[in-house]
PDB file of N, CA and C in Angstrom:
ATOM      1  N   MET A   1      64.158 102.896 135.643  1.00  0.00           N
ATOM      2  CA  MET A   1      63.801 102.734 134.405  1.00  0.00           C
ATOM      3  C   MET A   1      62.580 102.419 134.509  1.00  0.00           C
ATOM      4  N   ALA A   2      62.780 103.612 132.738  1.00  0.00           N
ATOM      5  CA  ALA A   2      61.687 103.278 132.040  1.00  0.00           C
ATOM      6  C   ALA A   2      61.062 102.311 131.397  1.00  0.00           C
ATOM      7  N   ARG A   3      59.700 101.928 131.146  1.00  0.00           N
ATOM      8  CA  ARG A   3      58.975 101.065 130.380  1.00  0.00           C
ATOM      9  C   ARG A   3      58.350 101.360 128.885  1.00  0.00           C
ATOM     10  N   TYR A   4      59.211 100.370 127.536  1.00  0.00           N
ATOM     11  CA  TYR A   4      58.738 101.525 126.316  1.00  0.00           C
ATOM     12  C   TYR A   4      58.801  99.993 125.952  1.00  0.00           C
ATOM     13  N   ILE A   5      58.305 100.384 124.078  1.00  0.00           N
ATOM     14  CA  ILE A   5      57.815  98.206 123.403  1.00  0.00           C
ATOM     15  C   ILE A   5      58.555  99.515 122.394  1.00  0.00           C
ATOM     16  N   LYS A   6      59.569  97.590 122.034  1.00  0.00           N
ATOM     17  CA  LYS A   6      59.644  97.891 120.917  1.00  0.00           C
ATOM     18  C   LYS A   6      59.758  97.012 120.000  1.00  0.00           C
ATOM     19  N   ARG A   7      59.646  98.178 118.949  1.00  0.00           N
ATOM     20  CA  ARG A   7      58.861  97.863 117.809  1.00  0.00           C
ATOM     21  C   ARG A   7      60.023  96.600 116.224  1.00  0.00           C
ATOM     22  N   GLU A   8      59.915  96.230 116.167  1.00  0.00           N
ATOM     23  CA  GLU A   8      61.060  95.796 115.274  1.00  0.00           C
ATOM     24  C   GLU A   8      60.012  95.498 113.894  1.00  0.00           C
ATOM     25  N   ILE A   9      60.234  96.416 113.187  1.00  0.00           N
ATOM     26  CA  ILE A   9      60.049  96.641 111.538  1.00  0.00           C
ATOM     27  C   ILE A   9      58.845  96.197 111.401  1.00  0.00           C
ATOM     28  N   TRP A  10      57.851  96.769 112.565  1.00  0.00           N
ATOM     29  CA  TRP A  10      55.943  97.102 112.806  1.00  0.00           C
ATOM     30  C   TRP A  10      55.673  95.819 112.964  1.00  0.00           C
ATOM     31  N   ILE A  11      56.568  94.452 112.686  1.00  0.00           N
ATOM     32  CA  ILE A  11      56.047  93.058 112.664  1.00  0.00           C
ATOM     33  C   ILE A  11      56.253  92.753 114.783  1.00  0.00           C
ATOM     34  N   GLU A  12      56.337  93.338 115.688  1.00  0.00           N
ATOM     35  CA  GLU A  12      56.726  92.914 116.684  1.00  0.00           C
ATOM     36  C   GLU A  12      57.030  93.316 117.740  1.00  0.00           C
ATOM     37  N   GLU A  13      56.691  92.917 118.390  1.00  0.00           N
ATOM     38  CA  GLU A  13      56.274  94.603 119.091  1.00  0.00           C
ATOM     39  C   GLU A  13      56.759  93.513 121.155  1.00  0.00           C
ATOM     40  N   THR A  14      58.551  94.544 121.333  1.00  0.00           N
ATOM     41  CA  THR A  14      58.611  93.724 123.140  1.00  0.00           C
ATOM     42  C   THR A  14      58.493  94.254 123.695  1.00  0.00           C
ATOM     43  N   GLU A  15      58.284  93.725 124.539  1.00  0.00           N
ATOM     44  CA  GLU A  15      58.439  95.456 126.240  1.00  0.00           C
ATOM     45  C   GLU A  15      59.573  95.393 126.706  1.00  0.00           C
ATOM     46  N   VAL A  16      59.767  96.556 126.057  1.00  0.00           N
ATOM     47  CA  VAL A  16      61.315  96.514 127.623  1.00  0.00           C
ATOM     48  C   VAL A  16      61.759  98.089 128.538  1.00  0.00           C
ATOM     49  N   GLU A  17      62.537  97.115 129.091  1.00  0.00           N
ATOM     50  CA  GLU A  17      62.665  98.241 130.125  1.00  0.00           C
ATOM     51  C   GLU A  17      64.138  99.125 129.617  1.00  0.00           C
ATOM     52  N   LEU A  18      64.286 100.171 129.701  1.00  0.00           N
ATOM     53  CA  LEU A  18      65.825 101.060 129.102  1.00  0.00           C
ATOM     54  C   LEU A  18      65.665 101.909 130.493  1.00  0.00           C
ATOM     55  N   PRO A  19      67.241 102.126 130.443  1.00  0.00           N
ATOM     56  CA  PRO A  19      66.766 103.305 130.858  1.00  0.00           C
ATOM     57  C   PRO A  19      67.139 105.313 129.705  1.00  0.00           C
ATOM     58  N   VAL A  20      66.734 106.305 130.551  1.00  0.00           N
ATOM     59  CA  VAL A  20      66.260 107.442 129.907  1.00  0.00           C
ATOM     60  C   VAL A  20      67.608 107.872 129.027  1.00  0.00           C
ATOM     61  N   SER A  21      68.581 107.811 129.541  1.00  0.00           N
ATOM     62  CA  SER A  21      69.668 108.201 128.668  1.00  0.00           C
ATOM     63  C   SER A  21      70.276 106.886 127.706  1.00  0.00           C
ATOM     64  N   GLU A  22      69.333 105.692 127.437  1.00  0.00           N
ATOM     65  CA  GLU A  22      69.479 104.220 126.829  1.00  0.00           C
ATOM     66  C   GLU A  22      69.247 105.289 124.482  1.00  0.00           C
ATOM     67  N   VAL A  23      68.367 106.184 125.426  1.00  0.00           N
ATOM     68  CA  VAL A  23      67.515 106.308 124.201  1.00  0.00           C
ATOM     69  C   VAL A  23      66.257 108.033 123.759  1.00  0.00           C
ATOM     70  N   MET A  24      66.252 108.687 122.812  1.00  0.00           N
ATOM     71  CA  MET A  24      66.362 109.639 122.127  1.00  0.00           C
ATOM     72  C   MET A  24      65.528 110.046 122.004  1.00  0.00           C
ATOM     73  N   THR A  25      64.689 111.262 121.722  1.00  0.00           N
ATOM     74  CA  THR A  25      63.755 112.005 121.026  1.00  0.00           C
ATOM     75  C   THR A  25      64.287 111.994 119.615  1.00  0.00           C
ATOM     76  N   ILE A  26      63.183 111.960 118.766  1.00  0.00           N
ATOM     77  CA  ILE A  26      63.749 112.080 117.007  1.00  0.00           C
ATOM     78  C   ILE A  26      64.366 113.582 116.805  1.00  0.00           C
ATOM     79  N   ALA A  27      63.400 114.431 117.323  1.00  0.00           N
ATOM     80  CA  ALA A  27      64.422 115.981 117.088  1.00  0.00           C
ATOM     81  C   ALA A  27      65.247 115.876 118.314  1.00  0.00           C
ATOM     82  N   GLU A  28      65.832 115.198 119.650  1.00  0.00           N
ATOM     83  CA  GLU A  28      67.913 115.069 120.323  1.00  0.00           C
ATOM     84  C   GLU A  28      68.197 114.376 118.704  1.00  0.00           C
ATOM     85  N   ALA A  29      67.853 113.265 118.317  1.00  0.00           N
ATOM     86  CA  ALA A  29      69.064 112.930 117.451  1.00  0.00           C
ATOM     87  C   ALA A  29      68.950 113.115 115.664  1.00  0.00           C
ATOM     88  N   ALA A  30      67.799 114.287 115.156  1.00  0.00           N
ATOM     89  CA  ALA A  30      68.138 114.722 114.459  1.00  0.00           C
ATOM     90  C   ALA A  30      69.498 116.199 114.721  1.00  0.00           C
ATOM     91  N   LYS A  31      69.521 116.455 115.840  1.00  0.00           N
ATOM     92  CA  LYS A  31      69.973 118.035 116.526  1.00  0.00           C
ATOM     93  C   LYS A  31      71.601 117.630 116.832  1.00  0.00           C
ATOM     94  N   HIS A  32      71.590 116.122 117.165  1.00  0.00           N
ATOM     95  CA  HIS A  32      72.605 114.912 117.106  1.00  0.00           C
ATOM     96  C   HIS A  32      73.891 115.028 116.027  1.00  0.00           C
ATOM     97  N   LEU A  33      72.198 114.863 114.808  1.00  0.00           N
ATOM     98  CA  LEU A  33      73.568 114.309 114.585  1.00  0.00           C
ATOM     99  C   LEU A  33      73.466 115.762 112.890  1.00  0.00           C
ATOM    100  N   GLY A  34      73.217 116.485 112.915  1.00  0.00           N
ATOM    101  CA  GLY A  34      72.918 117.919 111.489  1.00  0.00           C
ATOM    102  C   GLY A  34      72.203 117.701 110.964  1.00  0.00           C
ATOM    103  N   VAL A  35      70.199 116.703 110.889  1.00  0.00           N
ATOM    104  CA  VAL A  35      69.910 116.833 109.774  1.00  0.00           C
ATOM    105  C   VAL A  35      68.776 116.424 110.291  1.00  0.00           C
ATOM    106  N   TYR A  36      67.818 117.020 108.968  1.00  0.00           N
ATOM    107  CA  TYR A  36      66.219 116.948 109.639  1.00  0.00           C
ATOM    108  C   TYR A  36      65.247 116.492 109.742  1.00  0.00           C
ATOM    109  N   THR A  37      64.139 116.151 111.304  1.00  0.00           N
ATOM    110  CA  THR A  37      63.995 114.745 111.905  1.00  0.00           C
ATOM    111  C   THR A  37      62.931 114.483 110.864  1.00  0.00           C
ATOM    112  N   GLN A  38      62.618 114.511 109.295  1.00  0.00           N
ATOM    113  CA  GLN A  38      62.663 114.022 107.362  1.00  0.00           C
ATOM    114  C   GLN A  38      63.609 112.814 107.956  1.00  0.00           C
ATOM    115  N   ALA A  39      64.309 112.989 107.715  1.00  0.00           N
ATOM    116  CA  ALA A  39      65.815 112.189 107.551  1.00  0.00           C
ATOM    117  C   ALA A  39      66.260 110.523 109.037  1.00  0.00           C
ATOM    118  N   VAL A  40      65.094 111.111 110.382  1.00  0.00           N
ATOM    119  CA  VAL A  40      66.027 110.451 111.002  1.00  0.00           C
ATOM    120  C   VAL A  40      64.169 109.586 110.750  1.00  0.00           C
ATOM    121  N   SER A  41      62.793 109.701 110.830  1.00  0.00           N
ATOM    122  CA  SER A  41      62.060 109.608 110.306  1.00  0.00           C
ATOM    123  C   SER A  41      62.066 108.853 109.258  1.00  0.00           C
ATOM    124  N   LEU A  42      62.586 108.990 108.314  1.00  0.00           N
ATOM    125  CA  LEU A  42      62.190 108.134 107.208  1.00  0.00           C
ATOM    126  C   LEU A  42      63.951 106.936 107.702  1.00  0.00           C
ATOM    127  N   ALA A  43      64.760 106.973 108.074  1.00  0.00           N
ATOM    128  CA  ALA A  43      65.557 105.913 108.926  1.00  0.00           C
ATOM    129  C   ALA A  43      65.146 104.861 110.121  1.00  0.00           C
ATOM    130  N   LEU A  44      63.692 105.047 110.044  1.00  0.00           N
ATOM    131  CA  LEU A  44      63.339 104.763 110.694  1.00  0.00           C
ATOM    132  C   LEU A  44      62.365 103.882 110.271  1.00  0.00           C
ATOM    133  N   ASP A  45      61.653 104.448 109.197  1.00  0.00           N
ATOM    134  CA  ASP A  45      60.647 104.077 108.491  1.00  0.00           C
ATOM    135  C   ASP A  45      61.929 102.788 107.391  1.00  0.00           C
ATOM    136  N   ARG A  46      62.749 103.338 106.981  1.00  0.00           N
ATOM    137  CA  ARG A  46      63.545 101.791 106.204  1.00  0.00           C
ATOM    138  C   ARG A  46      64.129 100.075 106.930  1.00  0.00           C
ATOM    139  N   GLY A  47      63.882 101.242 108.141  1.00  0.00           N
ATOM    140  CA  GLY A  47      64.601  99.779 108.783  1.00  0.00           C
ATOM    141  C   GLY A  47      65.762 100.208 109.979  1.00  0.00           C
ATOM    142  N   ASP A  48      66.401 101.440 109.681  1.00  0.00           N
ATOM    143  CA  ASP A  48      67.706 101.963 109.612  1.00  0.00           C
ATOM    144  C   ASP A  48      67.896 101.561 111.100  1.00  0.00           C
ATOM    145  N   LEU A  49      67.065 102.581 112.008  1.00  0.00           N
ATOM    146  CA  LEU A  49      67.206 103.087 113.518  1.00  0.00           C
ATOM    147  C   LEU A  49      65.345 101.856 113.729  1.00  0.00           C
ATOM    148  N   THR A  50      65.821 101.289 115.687  1.00  0.00           N
ATOM    149  CA  THR A  50      64.627 100.404 115.082  1.00  0.00           C
ATOM    150  C   THR A  50      64.025 101.301 116.917  1.00  0.00           C
ATOM    151  N   LEU A  51      62.354 101.774 116.309  1.00  0.00           N
ATOM    152  CA  LEU A  51      61.996 102.208 116.982  1.00  0.00           C
ATOM    153  C   LEU A  51      60.957 102.035 118.455  1.00  0.00           C
ATOM    154  N   ILE A  52      61.879 102.812 119.283  1.00  0.00           N
ATOM    155  CA  ILE A  52      60.699 102.630 120.316  1.00  0.00           C
ATOM    156  C   ILE A  52      59.776 104.288 120.754  1.00  0.00           C
ATOM    157  N   ILE A  53      58.552 102.641 121.692  1.00  0.00           N
ATOM    158  CA  ILE A  53      57.508 103.679 121.802  1.00  0.00           C
ATOM    159  C   ILE A  53      57.224 103.354 122.976  1.00  0.00           C
ATOM    160  N   ASN A  54      56.781 105.463 123.368  1.00  0.00           N
ATOM    161  CA  ASN A  54      57.298 105.568 125.084  1.00  0.00           C
ATOM    162  C   ASN A  54      55.714 105.835 124.961  1.00  0.00           C
ATOM    163  N   GLN A  55      54.760 104.518 125.725  1.00  0.00           N
ATOM    164  CA  GLN A  55      53.671 104.883 125.250  1.00  0.00           C
ATOM    165  C   GLN A  55      53.505 105.475 126.077  1.00  0.00           C
ATOM    166  N   GLY A  56      53.359 105.835 127.850  1.00  0.00           N
ATOM    167  CA  GLY A  56      53.423 107.120 128.573  1.00  0.00           C
ATOM    168  C   GLY A  56      53.320 108.156 128.064  1.00  0.00           C
ATOM    169  N   ALA A  57      54.137 108.622 126.605  1.00  0.00           N
ATOM    170  CA  ALA A  57      53.740 110.120 126.374  1.00  0.00           C
ATOM    171  C   ALA A  57      53.033 110.615 125.319  1.00  0.00           C
ATOM    172  N   PRO A  58      51.958 112.006 125.246  1.00  0.00           N
ATOM    173  CA  PRO A  58      51.744 111.719 124.605  1.00  0.00           C
ATOM    174  C   PRO A  58      52.524 111.509 122.943  1.00  0.00           C
ATOM    175  N   LYS A  59      51.124 111.658 121.873  1.00  0.00           N
ATOM    176  CA  LYS A  59      51.492 111.777 120.816  1.00  0.00           C
ATOM    177  C   LYS A  59      52.499 113.784 120.149  1.00  0.00           C
ATOM    178  N   ARG A  60      52.933 113.208 119.034  1.00  0.00           N
ATOM    179  CA  ARG A  60      54.035 114.755 118.936  1.00  0.00           C
ATOM    180  C   ARG A  60      54.548 115.109 119.867  1.00  0.00           C
ATOM    181  N   GLN A  61      55.047 114.358 121.444  1.00  0.00           N
ATOM    182  CA  GLN A  61      55.683 115.003 122.543  1.00  0.00           C
ATOM    183  C   GLN A  61      56.312 113.850 122.890  1.00  0.00           C
ATOM    184  N   GLY A  62      57.595 113.268 121.773  1.00  0.00           N
ATOM    185  CA  GLY A  62      58.501 112.190 122.688  1.00  0.00           C
ATOM    186  C   GLY A  62      57.413 110.925 122.202  1.00  0.00           C
ATOM    187  N   ARG A  63      56.512 110.592 121.922  1.00  0.00           N
ATOM    188  CA  ARG A  63      57.130 109.272 122.046  1.00  0.00           C
ATOM    189  C   ARG A  63      57.214 108.711 121.447  1.00  0.00           C
ATOM    190  N   ARG A  64      57.481 109.111 120.250  1.00  0.00           N
ATOM    191  CA  ARG A  64      58.812 108.088 119.099  1.00  0.00           C
ATOM    192  C   ARG A  64      59.771 108.411 120.031  1.00  0.00           C
ATOM    193  N   LEU A  65      60.244 107.058 119.731  1.00  0.00           N
ATOM    194  CA  LEU A  65      62.339 107.130 120.347  1.00  0.00           C
ATOM    195  C   LEU A  65      62.996 105.952 119.653  1.00  0.00           C
ATOM    196  N   VAL A  66      64.300 106.880 119.838  1.00  0.00           N
ATOM    197  CA  VAL A  66      65.579 105.821 119.118  1.00  0.00           C
ATOM    198  C   VAL A  66      66.544 105.730 120.261  1.00  0.00           C
ATOM    199  N   LEU A  67      67.175 104.319 119.887  1.00  0.00           N
ATOM    200  CA  LEU A  67      68.533 103.968 120.544  1.00  0.00           C
ATOM    201  C   LEU A  67      69.949 105.238 120.415  1.00  0.00           C
ATOM    202  N   ARG A  68      70.410 105.586 121.323  1.00  0.00           N
ATOM    203  CA  ARG A  68      71.680 106.474 121.562  1.00  0.00           C
ATOM    204  C   ARG A  68      72.368 105.629 120.685  1.00  0.00           C
ATOM    205  N   SER A  69      72.809 104.832 120.827  1.00  0.00           N
ATOM    206  CA  SER A  69      73.445 103.777 120.504  1.00  0.00           C
ATOM    207  C   SER A  69      73.775 103.440 118.683  1.00  0.00           C
ATOM    208  N   GLU A  70      72.423 103.614 118.313  1.00  0.00           N
ATOM    209  CA  GLU A  70      72.370 103.942 116.438  1.00  0.00           C
ATOM    210  C   GLU A  70      72.712 104.376 116.178  1.00  0.00           C
ATOM    211  N   VAL A  71      72.190 105.324 117.473  1.00  0.00           N
ATOM    212  CA  VAL A  71      72.489 107.287 116.072  1.00  0.00           C
ATOM    213  C   VAL A  71      73.540 107.774 116.964  1.00  0.00           C
ATOM    214  N   GLU A  72      74.351 106.705 117.749  1.00  0.00           N
ATOM    215  CA  GLU A  72      75.857 107.357 117.666  1.00  0.00           C
ATOM    216  C   GLU A  72      76.544 106.821 116.710  1.00  0.00           C
ATOM    217  N   ALA A  73      76.160 105.445 116.399  1.00  0.00           N
ATOM    218  CA  ALA A  73      77.326 104.335 115.113  1.00  0.00           C
ATOM    219  C   ALA A  73      76.942 105.773 113.881  1.00  0.00           C
ATOM    220  N   TRP A  74      75.080 106.150 113.476  1.00  0.00           N
ATOM    221  CA  TRP A  74      75.115 106.669 112.732  1.00  0.00           C
ATOM    222  C   TRP A  74      76.125 107.573 111.695  1.00  0.00           C
ATOM    223  N   ARG A  75      75.660 108.625 113.358  1.00  0.00           N
ATOM    224  CA  ARG A  75      76.854 109.646 112.834  1.00  0.00           C
ATOM    225  C   ARG A  75      78.017 109.293 113.147  1.00  0.00           C
ATOM    226  N   GLN A  76      79.150 108.610 113.715  1.00  0.00           N
ATOM    227  CA  GLN A  76      80.692 108.235 112.940  1.00  0.00           C
ATOM    228  C   GLN A  76      80.189 108.219 111.731  1.00  0.00           C
ATOM    229  N   ARG A  77      79.479 106.554 111.412  1.00  0.00           N
ATOM    230  CA  ARG A  77      79.080 106.003 109.693  1.00  0.00           C
ATOM    231  C   ARG A  77      79.328 107.652 108.964  1.00  0.00           C
ATOM    232  N   ARG A  78      78.818 108.715 109.177  1.00  0.00           N
ATOM    233  CA  ARG A  78      78.400 109.838 108.655  1.00  0.00           C
ATOM    234  C   ARG A  78      79.814 110.896 108.689  1.00  0.00           C
ATOM    235  N   GLU A  79      80.195 110.931 109.752  1.00  0.00           N
ATOM    236  CA  GLU A  79      81.528 111.393 109.280  1.00  0.00           C
ATOM    237  C   GLU A  79      82.271 110.916 108.670  1.00  0.00           C
ATOM    238  N   ARG A  80      82.762 109.136 108.795  1.00  0.00           N
ATOM    239  CA  ARG A  80      83.490 109.159 107.451  1.00  0.00           C
ATOM    240  C   ARG A  80      83.371 108.879 106.251  1.00  0.00           C
ATOM    241  N   ARG A  81      82.409 109.403 106.441  1.00  0.00           N
ATOM    242  CA  ARG A  81      81.854 110.067 104.405  1.00  0.00           C
ATOM    243  C   ARG A  81      82.549 111.180 105.015  1.00  0.00           C
ATOM    244  N   LYS A  82      82.106 112.189 105.280  1.00  0.00           N
ATOM    245  CA  LYS A  82      82.791 113.464 104.876  1.00  0.00           C
ATOM    246  C   LYS A  82      84.732 113.890 105.362  1.00  0.00           C
ATOM    247  N   THR A  83      84.815 112.908 106.040  1.00  0.00           N
ATOM    248  CA  THR A  83      86.435 113.085 106.320  1.00  0.00           C
ATOM    249  C   THR A  83      86.869 112.550 104.513  1.00  0.00           C
ATOM    250  N   PRO A  84      87.776 113.824 104.034  1.00  0.00           N
ATOM    251  CA  PRO A  84      88.493 113.148 102.207  1.00  0.00           C
ATOM    252  C   PRO A  84      89.335 112.287 102.304  1.00  0.00           C
ATOM    253  N   GLU A  85      88.891 111.951 101.943  1.00  0.00           N
ATOM    254  CA  GLU A  85      90.862 110.804 101.905  1.00  0.00           C
ATOM    255  C   GLU A  85      91.748 111.478 100.951  1.00  0.00           C
ATOM    256  N   ARG A  86      93.140 111.216 101.383  1.00  0.00           N
ATOM    257  CA  ARG A  86      94.368 111.599 101.793  1.00  0.00           C
ATOM    258  C   ARG A  86      95.356 110.873 100.063  1.00  0.00           C
ATOM    259  N   THR A  87      95.651 111.882  99.153  1.00  0.00           N
ATOM    260  CA  THR A  87      95.721 111.351  97.937  1.00  0.00           C
ATOM    261  C   THR A  87      97.486 112.359  98.261  1.00  0.00           C
ATOM    262  N   ALA A  88      98.331 111.855  97.191  1.00  0.00           N
ATOM    263  CA  ALA A  88      99.519 111.758  97.687  1.00  0.00           C
ATOM    264  C   ALA A  88      99.410 113.408  96.236  1.00  0.00           C
ATOM    265  N   ASN A  89     100.220 114.204  97.217  1.00  0.00           N
ATOM    266  CA  ASN A  89     100.273 115.178  96.113  1.00  0.00           C
ATOM    267  C   ASN A  89     101.421 115.225  95.156  1.00  0.00           C
ATOM    268  N   VAL A  90     101.370 115.620  93.824  1.00  0.00           N
ATOM    269  CA  VAL A  90     101.381 115.330  92.685  1.00  0.00           C
ATOM    270  C   VAL A  90     102.202 116.296  91.854  1.00  0.00           C
ATOM    271  N   THR A  91     103.382 116.377  91.349  1.00  0.00           N
ATOM    272  CA  THR A  91     103.793 117.655  91.184  1.00  0.00           C
ATOM    273  C   THR A  91     103.800 117.077  89.586  1.00  0.00           C
ATOM    274  N   TYR A  92     103.711 118.322  87.964  1.00  0.00           N
ATOM    275  CA  TYR A  92     104.068 117.805  86.963  1.00  0.00           C
ATOM    276  C   TYR A  92     105.291 118.899  86.714  1.00  0.00           C
ATOM    277  N   SER A  93     105.919 117.895  86.139  1.00  0.00           N
ATOM    278  CA  SER A  93     107.303 118.752  85.622  1.00  0.00           C
ATOM    279  C   SER A  93     107.259 118.802  83.848  1.00  0.00           C
ATOM    280  N   TRP A  94     106.766 119.224  83.087  1.00  0.00           N
ATOM    281  CA  TRP A  94     106.467 119.393  81.180  1.00  0.00           C
ATOM    282  C   TRP A  94     108.231 120.267  81.132  1.00  0.00           C
TER     283      TRP A  94
END
């Protein structure tokens, strides 16, 4: 178990222990979602994703992490939006 700091909208910090399998870097999340890293960073800034800070990592090298479960939920929401709604085939006879 690794020790991380969980930051709640830049106000409250709580020390949590999470298995490495439950967190991912911003770059990994972006690749998983098929978006740019800036999109994931903006989601963190908006509070859509929970920011986890790995204090043991050097800056700009995997220090800011996100919860894998939240990234997966975001991916499922995105996939639902991409799926076109089925419409009834309508034929007109004039």
